[in-house]
Protein backbone atom coordinates (compact mmCIF):
# COMPACT_ATOMS: atom_id res chain seq x y z
CA MET A 1 -0.02 0.02 0.00
CA THR A 2 1.16 3.50 -0.82
CA LEU A 3 -0.16 6.76 0.65
CA ASN A 4 0.03 10.09 -1.11
CA ASN A 5 -0.89 13.10 1.12
CA GLN A 6 -1.79 16.48 -0.11
CA LEU A 7 -2.75 19.25 2.36
CA GLU A 8 -4.49 22.50 1.35
CA ASP A 9 -5.40 24.69 4.26
CA THR A 10 -7.25 22.39 6.67
CA THR A 11 -8.29 19.81 4.01
CA LEU A 12 -6.15 16.67 3.73
CA THR A 13 -6.47 14.29 0.71
CA MET A 14 -4.98 10.88 1.09
CA ALA A 15 -4.73 8.92 -2.01
CA ILE A 16 -4.36 5.26 -1.35
CA GLU A 17 -2.93 2.82 -3.60
CA GLY A 18 -3.29 -0.82 -3.10
CA ARG A 19 -5.14 -3.29 -0.80
CA ILE A 20 -6.48 -2.29 2.64
CA ASP A 21 -6.24 -5.47 4.56
CA THR A 22 -5.00 -6.98 7.86
CA GLN A 23 -1.37 -6.31 6.76
CA THR A 24 -1.91 -2.56 5.63
CA ALA A 25 -4.84 -1.40 7.73
CA PRO A 26 -2.65 -0.63 10.84
CA GLU A 27 -0.30 1.34 8.74
CA LEU A 28 -3.21 3.40 7.17
CA GLU A 29 -4.67 3.96 10.72
CA ALA A 30 -1.34 5.24 12.09
CA ALA A 31 -0.83 7.46 8.93
CA ILE A 32 -4.30 8.96 9.33
CA LYS A 33 -3.88 9.46 13.07
CA GLU A 34 -0.68 11.37 12.75
CA SER A 35 -1.83 13.45 9.75
CA ILE A 36 -5.21 14.83 11.11
CA GLU A 37 -3.83 17.36 13.40
CA GLY A 38 -5.30 20.67 12.52
CA VAL A 39 -7.39 19.00 9.56
CA SER A 40 -11.13 19.71 9.43
CA CYS A 41 -11.83 17.82 6.24
CA LEU A 42 -10.32 14.48 5.48
CA ILE A 43 -10.73 13.00 1.97
CA LEU A 44 -9.75 9.32 1.29
CA ASP A 45 -9.21 8.82 -2.40
CA PHE A 46 -9.89 5.15 -3.14
CA ALA A 47 -9.38 5.35 -6.87
CA GLN A 48 -6.48 2.87 -6.70
CA VAL A 49 -7.81 0.64 -3.83
CA GLY A 50 -9.05 -2.67 -5.25
CA TYR A 51 -9.77 -4.52 -2.06
CA ILE A 52 -10.76 -3.80 1.47
CA SER A 53 -11.09 -6.28 4.27
CA SER A 54 -12.90 -6.22 7.66
CA ALA A 55 -9.64 -4.69 9.27
CA GLY A 56 -9.73 -1.94 6.46
CA LEU A 57 -13.45 -1.42 7.28
CA ARG A 58 -12.42 -0.89 11.00
CA THR A 59 -9.74 1.64 10.03
CA VAL A 60 -12.28 3.59 7.95
CA LEU A 61 -14.74 3.56 10.87
CA THR A 62 -12.07 4.72 13.29
CA ALA A 63 -11.03 7.57 11.03
CA GLN A 64 -14.73 8.54 10.78
CA ASN A 65 -15.15 8.55 14.53
CA TRP A 66 -11.91 10.71 14.93
CA MET A 67 -13.11 13.24 12.39
CA ASP A 68 -16.68 13.31 14.14
CA ALA A 69 -15.04 13.76 17.44
CA LYS A 70 -13.23 16.90 16.33
CA GLY A 71 -16.24 18.31 14.52
CA GLY A 72 -14.67 17.69 11.10
CA THR A 73 -15.90 15.66 7.96
CA MET A 74 -14.58 12.69 6.11
CA THR A 75 -15.26 11.71 2.54
CA ILE A 76 -14.46 8.56 0.50
CA ARG A 77 -13.90 9.51 -3.15
CA ASN A 78 -13.54 7.53 -6.21
CA ALA A 79 -14.33 4.11 -4.80
CA GLY A 80 -14.73 1.36 -7.38
CA LYS A 81 -18.01 -0.79 -7.60
CA ASN A 82 -16.57 -3.62 -5.59
CA ILE A 83 -15.57 -1.31 -2.73
CA VAL A 84 -18.91 0.60 -2.80
CA LYS A 85 -20.74 -2.83 -2.74
CA VAL A 86 -18.75 -3.81 0.38
CA PHE A 87 -19.71 -0.36 1.98
CA LYS A 88 -23.49 -1.00 1.16
CA VAL A 89 -23.44 -4.74 2.32
CA THR A 90 -22.01 -3.67 5.66
CA GLY A 91 -24.26 -0.61 6.04
CA PHE A 92 -21.18 1.64 6.09
CA ASP A 93 -22.90 3.68 3.27
CA THR A 94 -25.36 4.98 5.77
CA PHE A 95 -22.90 6.93 7.74
CA LEU A 96 -20.02 7.45 5.34
CA THR A 97 -19.97 10.16 2.68
CA LEU A 98 -19.22 8.65 -0.68
CA GLU A 99 -18.52 10.54 -3.81
């Protein structure tokens, strides 16, 4: 998994490439945690994510909770059909902002 961050004012866009699974989810969670200081809008760009496991879903939920706690927003952008399907089947689409 590769992460490319772009910070503009208080908006952080994290472009994620690769799989988000039990191996990479802890790395993603740590990267988000250390990067959201002073961020009010977190955008996770899933254009290059081909797979997300339950560990990855937990990381996405954790990030959403962190942003909610600080009064910020989080958006998942460019998720492919299979990723969107996982979000819908798990009910994550009811509380995540998907674009």
